[in-house]
């Protein structure tokens, strides 16, 4: 695939979190929820993706990742919730130069994920960076409502 012919690449979560919201979850890299591509396809195209990448990369670890895979879809095209958040993220990434990237989380509870894989186009720049914090409360703080990723969204709409 010629990635340079696209505005954005959306990579779904590799985390297999149980639909009940309980349990340990699993980011073993067996597949991506929400994207229809395999981990292998992304990792095998490291050079092509790297060469096409532009100036906007959005790495999500938001509650929207879980709801995208298990809760919020189908639904209205745009809403004040996880789907709206993800649409805003893709629009932001696509509005830069080159191929914009949106990747939902690749890890759960401090596991390693595809971001850390030797064949990941993100490995070198992330250098293992990541953190864990679980919450059902999302807060769009003062002055953050005008950020492109928050457009049309509210704290209440993004929280559980």
N, C-alpha and C. Protein backbone atom coordinates (compact mmCIF):
# COMPACT_ATOMS: atom_id res chain seq x y z
N UNK A 1 0.85 -1.19 0.00
CA UNK A 1 0.00 0.00 0.00
C UNK A 1 0.88 1.24 0.00
N UNK A 2 0.49 2.22 -0.77
CA UNK A 2 1.21 3.49 -0.78
C UNK A 2 0.58 4.41 0.26
N UNK A 3 1.16 4.42 1.44
CA UNK A 3 0.60 5.20 2.55
C UNK A 3 0.62 6.69 2.28
N UNK A 4 1.49 7.15 1.39
CA UNK A 4 1.58 8.58 1.11
C UNK A 4 0.35 9.10 0.38
N UNK A 5 -0.50 8.22 -0.11
CA UNK A 5 -1.72 8.63 -0.81
C UNK A 5 -2.89 8.83 0.16
N UNK A 6 -2.64 8.69 1.45
CA UNK A 6 -3.70 8.81 2.46
C UNK A 6 -3.43 9.97 3.40
N UNK A 7 -4.50 10.51 3.94
CA UNK A 7 -4.39 11.61 4.89
C UNK A 7 -4.13 11.11 6.31
N UNK A 8 -4.69 9.94 6.65
CA UNK A 8 -4.55 9.43 8.01
C UNK A 8 -4.59 7.92 8.03
N UNK A 9 -3.90 7.36 9.01
CA UNK A 9 -3.94 5.93 9.29
C UNK A 9 -4.48 5.78 10.70
N UNK A 10 -5.59 5.06 10.81
CA UNK A 10 -6.18 4.77 12.12
C UNK A 10 -5.83 3.35 12.51
N UNK A 11 -5.18 3.18 13.65
CA UNK A 11 -4.81 1.87 14.14
C UNK A 11 -5.62 1.60 15.40
N UNK A 12 -6.48 0.61 15.33
CA UNK A 12 -7.32 0.28 16.48
C UNK A 12 -6.52 -0.30 17.62
N UNK A 13 -7.16 -0.55 18.72
CA UNK A 13 -6.49 -1.07 19.90
C UNK A 13 -6.17 -2.55 19.74
N UNK A 14 -4.99 -2.93 20.21
CA UNK A 14 -4.63 -4.33 20.23
C UNK A 14 -5.00 -4.98 21.55
N UNK A 15 -5.70 -4.25 22.39
CA UNK A 15 -6.08 -4.77 23.71
C UNK A 15 -7.40 -5.51 23.64
N UNK A 16 -7.40 -6.73 24.12
CA UNK A 16 -8.60 -7.55 24.12
C UNK A 16 -9.26 -7.48 25.49
N UNK A 17 -9.74 -6.32 25.84
CA UNK A 17 -10.37 -6.13 27.14
C UNK A 17 -11.74 -6.79 27.13
N UNK A 18 -12.07 -7.57 28.15
CA UNK A 18 -13.37 -8.23 28.18
C UNK A 18 -14.51 -7.21 28.08
N UNK A 19 -15.58 -7.59 27.40
CA UNK A 19 -16.70 -6.68 27.19
C UNK A 19 -17.42 -6.33 28.48
N UNK A 20 -17.17 -7.09 29.53
CA UNK A 20 -17.79 -6.77 30.82
C UNK A 20 -17.06 -5.64 31.52
N UNK A 21 -15.86 -5.32 31.02
CA UNK A 21 -15.08 -4.27 31.66
C UNK A 21 -14.31 -4.79 32.86
N UNK A 22 -14.34 -6.09 33.07
CA UNK A 22 -13.62 -6.68 34.19
C UNK A 22 -12.52 -7.58 33.67
N UNK A 23 -11.65 -8.01 34.52
CA UNK A 23 -10.58 -8.90 34.11
C UNK A 23 -9.32 -8.13 33.79
N UNK A 24 -8.29 -8.85 33.41
CA UNK A 24 -6.98 -8.22 33.24
C UNK A 24 -6.78 -7.60 31.88
N UNK A 25 -7.56 -7.98 30.91
CA UNK A 25 -7.31 -7.48 29.56
C UNK A 25 -6.10 -8.16 28.97
N UNK A 26 -5.85 -7.95 27.68
CA UNK A 26 -4.74 -8.62 27.03
C UNK A 26 -4.35 -7.79 25.81
N UNK A 27 -3.13 -7.35 25.76
CA UNK A 27 -2.63 -6.61 24.60
C UNK A 27 -1.56 -7.42 23.90
N UNK A 28 -1.87 -8.67 23.66
CA UNK A 28 -0.89 -9.58 23.12
C UNK A 28 -0.53 -9.29 21.67
N UNK A 29 -1.25 -8.40 21.03
CA UNK A 29 -0.93 -8.07 19.65
C UNK A 29 -1.55 -9.02 18.65
N UNK A 30 -2.63 -9.70 19.01
CA UNK A 30 -3.25 -10.65 18.08
C UNK A 30 -4.12 -9.96 17.05
N UNK A 31 -4.49 -8.75 17.26
CA UNK A 31 -5.33 -8.04 16.30
C UNK A 31 -5.69 -6.67 16.80
N UNK A 32 -6.29 -5.87 15.96
CA UNK A 32 -6.69 -4.52 16.33
C UNK A 32 -8.20 -4.42 16.29
N UNK A 33 -8.81 -4.06 17.39
CA UNK A 33 -10.24 -3.81 17.39
C UNK A 33 -10.50 -2.50 16.66
N UNK A 34 -11.45 -2.53 15.77
CA UNK A 34 -11.89 -1.30 15.13
C UNK A 34 -11.16 -0.92 13.87
N UNK A 35 -10.14 -1.64 13.47
CA UNK A 35 -9.41 -1.19 12.29
C UNK A 35 -9.43 -2.20 11.15
N UNK A 36 -9.64 -3.47 11.45
CA UNK A 36 -9.66 -4.48 10.41
C UNK A 36 -8.29 -4.84 9.88
N UNK A 37 -7.22 -4.35 10.50
CA UNK A 37 -5.87 -4.72 10.09
C UNK A 37 -5.23 -5.55 11.19
N UNK A 38 -4.28 -6.38 10.81
CA UNK A 38 -3.59 -7.19 11.81
C UNK A 38 -2.34 -6.48 12.29
N UNK A 39 -1.86 -6.88 13.45
CA UNK A 39 -0.61 -6.35 13.97
C UNK A 39 0.51 -6.59 12.96
N UNK A 40 0.51 -7.75 12.36
CA UNK A 40 1.53 -8.10 11.39
C UNK A 40 1.57 -7.10 10.24
N UNK A 41 0.41 -6.68 9.74
CA UNK A 41 0.38 -5.73 8.62
C UNK A 41 1.01 -4.39 9.00
N UNK A 42 0.75 -3.92 10.19
CA UNK A 42 1.33 -2.64 10.61
C UNK A 42 2.83 -2.79 10.81
N UNK A 43 3.25 -3.85 11.48
CA UNK A 43 4.67 -4.04 11.75
C UNK A 43 5.47 -4.34 10.49
N UNK A 44 4.87 -5.03 9.53
CA UNK A 44 5.58 -5.34 8.28
C UNK A 44 5.73 -4.12 7.37
N UNK A 45 5.01 -3.06 7.65
CA UNK A 45 5.07 -1.86 6.81
C UNK A 45 5.73 -0.70 7.53
N UNK A 46 6.63 -0.99 8.45
CA UNK A 46 7.31 0.04 9.24
C UNK A 46 7.93 1.11 8.34
N UNK A 47 8.73 0.71 7.36
CA UNK A 47 9.42 1.68 6.52
C UNK A 47 8.45 2.51 5.69
N UNK A 48 7.45 1.85 5.12
CA UNK A 48 6.48 2.56 4.28
C UNK A 48 5.69 3.59 5.11
N UNK A 49 5.28 3.20 6.30
CA UNK A 49 4.55 4.12 7.18
C UNK A 49 5.47 5.25 7.63
N UNK A 50 6.68 4.91 8.04
CA UNK A 50 7.64 5.93 8.49
C UNK A 50 7.92 6.96 7.40
N UNK A 51 8.08 6.49 6.16
CA UNK A 51 8.37 7.40 5.06
C UNK A 51 7.19 8.31 4.72
N UNK A 52 5.98 7.84 4.95
CA UNK A 52 4.79 8.63 4.62
C UNK A 52 4.35 9.54 5.76
N UNK A 53 4.82 9.24 6.99
CA UNK A 53 4.35 9.99 8.16
C UNK A 53 4.59 11.47 8.03
N UNK A 54 3.58 12.19 8.48
CA UNK A 54 3.67 13.64 8.46
C UNK A 54 3.97 14.20 9.85
N UNK A 55 3.35 15.33 10.13
CA UNK A 55 3.68 16.05 11.35
C UNK A 55 2.64 15.89 12.46
N UNK A 56 1.72 14.95 12.34
CA UNK A 56 0.70 14.78 13.38
C UNK A 56 0.49 13.31 13.72
N UNK A 57 0.80 12.97 14.97
CA UNK A 57 0.58 11.62 15.48
C UNK A 57 -0.17 11.74 16.79
N UNK A 58 -1.27 11.02 16.90
CA UNK A 58 -2.12 11.06 18.09
C UNK A 58 -2.16 9.66 18.69
N UNK A 59 -1.60 9.50 19.89
CA UNK A 59 -1.62 8.23 20.59
C UNK A 59 -2.63 8.33 21.71
N UNK A 60 -3.66 7.52 21.63
CA UNK A 60 -4.74 7.61 22.60
C UNK A 60 -4.56 6.58 23.70
N UNK A 61 -5.00 6.95 24.84
CA UNK A 61 -5.10 6.03 25.96
C UNK A 61 -6.38 6.36 26.69
N UNK A 62 -7.28 6.99 25.98
CA UNK A 62 -8.51 7.48 26.56
C UNK A 62 -9.54 6.38 26.75
N UNK A 63 -10.53 6.67 27.55
CA UNK A 63 -11.66 5.78 27.77
C UNK A 63 -12.37 5.48 26.43
N UNK A 64 -12.22 6.37 25.48
CA UNK A 64 -12.83 6.17 24.16
C UNK A 64 -12.35 4.88 23.50
N UNK A 65 -11.12 4.49 23.76
CA UNK A 65 -10.58 3.27 23.16
C UNK A 65 -11.43 2.06 23.55
N UNK A 66 -11.72 1.94 24.82
CA UNK A 66 -12.51 0.81 25.31
C UNK A 66 -13.92 0.87 24.74
N UNK A 67 -14.52 2.05 24.80
CA UNK A 67 -15.89 2.19 24.32
C UNK A 67 -16.00 2.01 22.80
N UNK A 68 -14.95 2.37 22.07
CA UNK A 68 -14.96 2.16 20.62
C UNK A 68 -15.14 0.68 20.31
N UNK A 69 -14.41 -0.16 21.02
CA UNK A 69 -14.43 -1.58 20.73
C UNK A 69 -15.66 -2.29 21.29
N UNK A 70 -16.19 -1.83 22.43
CA UNK A 70 -17.16 -2.63 23.14
C UNK A 70 -18.50 -1.98 23.45
N UNK A 71 -18.63 -0.68 23.28
CA UNK A 71 -19.80 -0.05 23.87
C UNK A 71 -20.53 0.93 22.98
N UNK A 72 -19.84 1.84 22.36
CA UNK A 72 -20.48 3.01 21.76
C UNK A 72 -21.00 2.81 20.35
N UNK A 73 -20.57 1.82 19.64
CA UNK A 73 -20.96 1.66 18.25
C UNK A 73 -21.98 0.54 18.12
N UNK A 74 -22.92 0.57 17.23
CA UNK A 74 -23.20 1.70 16.34
C UNK A 74 -23.93 2.80 17.09
N UNK A 75 -24.03 3.92 16.48
CA UNK A 75 -24.68 5.06 17.09
C UNK A 75 -24.70 6.19 16.10
N UNK A 76 -25.08 7.38 16.55
CA UNK A 76 -25.10 8.52 15.65
C UNK A 76 -23.70 8.82 15.12
N UNK A 77 -23.63 9.40 13.94
CA UNK A 77 -22.35 9.67 13.30
C UNK A 77 -21.43 10.48 14.20
N UNK A 78 -21.92 11.53 14.79
CA UNK A 78 -21.11 12.35 15.70
C UNK A 78 -21.90 12.52 16.98
N UNK A 79 -21.24 12.31 18.09
CA UNK A 79 -21.91 12.51 19.36
C UNK A 79 -20.94 13.09 20.36
N UNK A 80 -21.47 13.47 21.48
CA UNK A 80 -20.66 14.02 22.56
C UNK A 80 -20.18 12.85 23.41
N UNK A 81 -19.27 12.08 22.87
CA UNK A 81 -18.79 10.89 23.56
C UNK A 81 -17.59 10.32 22.86
N UNK A 82 -17.31 9.03 23.10
CA UNK A 82 -16.11 8.40 22.54
C UNK A 82 -16.00 8.49 21.03
N UNK A 83 -17.10 8.30 20.33
CA UNK A 83 -17.03 8.35 18.87
C UNK A 83 -16.64 9.75 18.41
N UNK A 84 -17.22 10.77 19.00
CA UNK A 84 -16.86 12.15 18.66
C UNK A 84 -15.40 12.43 18.93
N UNK A 85 -14.90 11.92 20.05
CA UNK A 85 -13.49 12.09 20.40
C UNK A 85 -12.58 11.46 19.34
N UNK A 86 -12.90 10.23 18.93
CA UNK A 86 -12.08 9.55 17.93
C UNK A 86 -12.18 10.21 16.55
N UNK A 87 -13.37 10.66 16.18
CA UNK A 87 -13.53 11.39 14.91
C UNK A 87 -12.69 12.66 14.94
N UNK A 88 -12.74 13.38 16.05
CA UNK A 88 -11.93 14.60 16.18
C UNK A 88 -10.44 14.29 16.07
N UNK A 89 -10.00 13.18 16.68
CA UNK A 89 -8.58 12.81 16.63
C UNK A 89 -8.15 12.51 15.19
N UNK A 90 -8.98 11.77 14.46
CA UNK A 90 -8.65 11.46 13.06
C UNK A 90 -8.65 12.74 12.22
N UNK A 91 -9.62 13.61 12.41
CA UNK A 91 -9.65 14.86 11.66
C UNK A 91 -8.42 15.71 11.93
N UNK A 92 -8.00 15.75 13.21
CA UNK A 92 -6.80 16.52 13.57
C UNK A 92 -5.57 15.94 12.88
N UNK A 93 -5.40 14.63 12.99
CA UNK A 93 -4.23 13.98 12.39
C UNK A 93 -4.20 14.17 10.87
N UNK A 94 -5.36 14.07 10.24
CA UNK A 94 -5.45 14.18 8.78
C UNK A 94 -5.24 15.60 8.28
N UNK A 95 -5.37 16.59 9.14
CA UNK A 95 -5.28 17.98 8.69
C UNK A 95 -3.86 18.51 8.67
N UNK A 96 -2.88 17.69 9.03
CA UNK A 96 -1.49 18.10 8.97
C UNK A 96 -0.91 17.81 7.60
N UNK A 97 0.41 17.80 7.52
CA UNK A 97 1.07 17.44 6.28
C UNK A 97 1.47 15.97 6.34
N UNK A 98 1.47 15.29 5.22
CA UNK A 98 1.83 13.88 5.18
C UNK A 98 0.76 13.01 5.82
N UNK A 99 1.14 11.78 6.13
CA UNK A 99 0.21 10.80 6.71
C UNK A 99 0.08 11.04 8.21
N UNK A 100 -1.12 11.41 8.64
CA UNK A 100 -1.39 11.55 10.07
C UNK A 100 -1.67 10.18 10.66
N UNK A 101 -1.31 10.01 11.92
CA UNK A 101 -1.48 8.72 12.60
C UNK A 101 -2.40 8.91 13.80
N UNK A 102 -3.35 8.01 13.96
CA UNK A 102 -4.14 7.90 15.19
C UNK A 102 -4.04 6.44 15.62
N UNK A 103 -3.54 6.23 16.81
CA UNK A 103 -3.43 4.87 17.34
C UNK A 103 -4.11 4.81 18.70
N UNK A 104 -5.06 3.91 18.79
CA UNK A 104 -5.65 3.65 20.10
C UNK A 104 -4.63 2.85 20.92
N UNK A 105 -4.88 2.70 22.18
CA UNK A 105 -3.90 2.12 23.09
C UNK A 105 -3.41 0.75 22.66
N UNK A 106 -2.16 0.48 22.95
CA UNK A 106 -1.58 -0.83 22.65
C UNK A 106 -1.20 -1.56 23.93
N UNK A 107 -1.57 -1.04 25.06
CA UNK A 107 -1.15 -1.65 26.32
C UNK A 107 -2.24 -1.51 27.36
N UNK A 108 -2.19 -2.38 28.32
CA UNK A 108 -3.15 -2.38 29.41
C UNK A 108 -2.43 -2.85 30.65
N UNK A 109 -2.50 -2.08 31.69
CA UNK A 109 -1.85 -2.43 32.97
C UNK A 109 -0.37 -2.73 32.79
N UNK A 110 0.33 -1.79 32.19
CA UNK A 110 1.78 -1.82 32.03
C UNK A 110 2.34 -2.97 31.18
N UNK A 111 1.50 -3.58 30.36
CA UNK A 111 2.01 -4.59 29.43
C UNK A 111 2.81 -3.90 28.34
N UNK A 112 3.61 -4.66 27.66
CA UNK A 112 4.25 -4.20 26.44
C UNK A 112 3.25 -4.39 25.32
N UNK A 113 3.32 -3.58 24.33
CA UNK A 113 2.43 -3.71 23.19
C UNK A 113 3.19 -3.56 21.89
N UNK A 114 2.48 -3.34 20.81
CA UNK A 114 3.14 -3.23 19.51
C UNK A 114 3.96 -1.95 19.40
N UNK A 115 3.63 -0.91 20.18
CA UNK A 115 4.42 0.32 20.14
C UNK A 115 5.88 0.03 20.50
N UNK A 116 6.11 -0.96 21.39
CA UNK A 116 7.45 -1.31 21.86
C UNK A 116 8.16 -2.34 20.98
N UNK A 117 7.47 -2.89 20.01
CA UNK A 117 8.03 -3.93 19.15
C UNK A 117 9.15 -3.34 18.29
N UNK A 118 10.19 -4.13 18.06
CA UNK A 118 11.33 -3.68 17.24
C UNK A 118 10.89 -3.21 15.85
N UNK A 119 9.80 -3.76 15.32
CA UNK A 119 9.34 -3.41 13.98
C UNK A 119 8.30 -2.30 13.98
N UNK A 120 8.07 -1.67 15.12
CA UNK A 120 7.10 -0.59 15.20
C UNK A 120 7.70 0.73 14.70
N UNK A 121 6.94 1.45 13.93
CA UNK A 121 7.39 2.76 13.46
C UNK A 121 7.41 3.78 14.60
N UNK A 122 6.88 3.42 15.78
CA UNK A 122 6.84 4.32 16.93
C UNK A 122 7.91 4.01 17.99
N UNK A 123 8.52 2.85 17.93
CA UNK A 123 9.39 2.38 19.02
C UNK A 123 10.49 3.38 19.39
N UNK A 124 11.25 3.84 18.43
CA UNK A 124 12.40 4.69 18.74
C UNK A 124 12.00 6.01 19.38
N UNK A 125 10.95 6.62 18.89
CA UNK A 125 10.58 7.92 19.45
C UNK A 125 9.88 7.81 20.80
N UNK A 126 9.18 6.70 21.05
CA UNK A 126 8.52 6.53 22.34
C UNK A 126 9.48 6.02 23.41
N UNK A 127 10.46 5.25 22.99
CA UNK A 127 11.48 4.75 23.91
C UNK A 127 10.88 4.15 25.17
N UNK A 128 9.81 3.37 25.00
CA UNK A 128 9.19 2.70 26.13
C UNK A 128 8.30 3.57 27.00
N UNK A 129 8.11 4.83 26.63
CA UNK A 129 7.30 5.74 27.44
C UNK A 129 5.84 5.30 27.47
N UNK A 130 5.22 5.45 28.59
CA UNK A 130 3.81 5.12 28.75
C UNK A 130 3.48 5.21 30.23
N UNK A 131 2.22 5.29 30.53
CA UNK A 131 1.83 5.30 31.93
C UNK A 131 0.47 4.67 32.05
N UNK A 132 0.12 4.33 33.27
CA UNK A 132 -1.16 3.68 33.53
C UNK A 132 -1.96 4.53 34.50
N UNK A 133 -3.19 4.79 34.13
CA UNK A 133 -4.12 5.47 35.00
C UNK A 133 -5.50 5.12 34.52
N UNK A 134 -6.29 4.51 35.35
CA UNK A 134 -7.62 4.11 34.94
C UNK A 134 -8.66 4.97 35.63
N UNK A 135 -9.58 5.48 34.83
CA UNK A 135 -10.63 6.32 35.37
C UNK A 135 -11.79 6.36 34.39
N UNK A 136 -12.97 6.48 34.91
CA UNK A 136 -14.16 6.67 34.08
C UNK A 136 -14.52 8.16 34.03
N UNK A 137 -13.68 9.00 34.59
CA UNK A 137 -13.95 10.42 34.63
C UNK A 137 -13.01 11.14 33.67
N UNK A 138 -13.57 11.86 32.74
CA UNK A 138 -12.79 12.66 31.80
C UNK A 138 -13.09 14.11 32.09
N UNK A 139 -12.07 14.93 32.14
CA UNK A 139 -12.25 16.34 32.45
C UNK A 139 -11.60 17.19 31.37
N UNK A 140 -12.42 17.90 30.62
CA UNK A 140 -11.91 18.91 29.69
C UNK A 140 -11.77 20.18 30.50
N UNK A 141 -10.54 20.52 30.80
CA UNK A 141 -10.25 21.64 31.69
C UNK A 141 -10.48 22.99 31.04
N UNK A 142 -10.41 24.06 31.85
CA UNK A 142 -10.57 25.41 31.34
C UNK A 142 -9.57 25.68 30.21
N UNK A 143 -10.06 26.21 29.12
CA UNK A 143 -9.22 26.53 27.98
C UNK A 143 -8.96 25.36 27.04
N UNK A 144 -9.35 24.14 27.42
CA UNK A 144 -9.10 22.98 26.58
C UNK A 144 -10.27 22.65 25.65
N UNK A 145 -11.41 23.28 25.86
CA UNK A 145 -12.57 23.03 25.02
C UNK A 145 -12.35 23.46 23.57
N UNK A 146 -11.42 24.38 23.35
CA UNK A 146 -11.16 24.85 21.98
C UNK A 146 -10.12 24.00 21.26
N UNK A 147 -9.51 23.02 21.94
CA UNK A 147 -8.56 22.13 21.27
C UNK A 147 -9.33 21.32 20.22
N UNK A 148 -8.74 21.10 19.06
CA UNK A 148 -9.46 20.36 18.00
C UNK A 148 -9.99 19.01 18.43
N UNK A 149 -9.29 18.29 19.28
CA UNK A 149 -9.76 16.97 19.69
C UNK A 149 -10.98 17.06 20.62
N UNK A 150 -11.21 18.21 21.22
CA UNK A 150 -12.33 18.39 22.14
C UNK A 150 -13.53 19.11 21.51
N UNK A 151 -13.43 19.45 20.25
CA UNK A 151 -14.49 20.22 19.59
C UNK A 151 -15.85 19.51 19.68
N UNK A 152 -16.83 20.20 20.21
CA UNK A 152 -18.19 19.68 20.32
C UNK A 152 -18.38 18.66 21.43
N UNK A 153 -17.37 18.48 22.26
CA UNK A 153 -17.44 17.47 23.33
C UNK A 153 -17.50 18.14 24.70
N UNK A 154 -17.96 17.39 25.67
CA UNK A 154 -18.03 17.88 27.04
C UNK A 154 -17.46 16.83 27.98
N UNK A 155 -17.07 17.26 29.16
CA UNK A 155 -16.58 16.31 30.17
C UNK A 155 -17.64 15.26 30.47
N UNK A 156 -18.87 15.70 30.62
CA UNK A 156 -19.96 14.75 30.93
C UNK A 156 -20.18 13.75 29.81
N UNK A 157 -20.08 14.18 28.57
CA UNK A 157 -20.28 13.27 27.45
C UNK A 157 -19.18 12.23 27.31
N UNK A 158 -17.97 12.58 27.74
CA UNK A 158 -16.84 11.67 27.63
C UNK A 158 -16.68 10.76 28.85
N UNK A 159 -17.33 11.11 29.94
CA UNK A 159 -17.20 10.31 31.17
C UNK A 159 -18.26 9.22 31.18
N UNK A 160 -18.04 8.24 32.03
CA UNK A 160 -18.98 7.13 32.11
C UNK A 160 -20.22 7.57 32.89
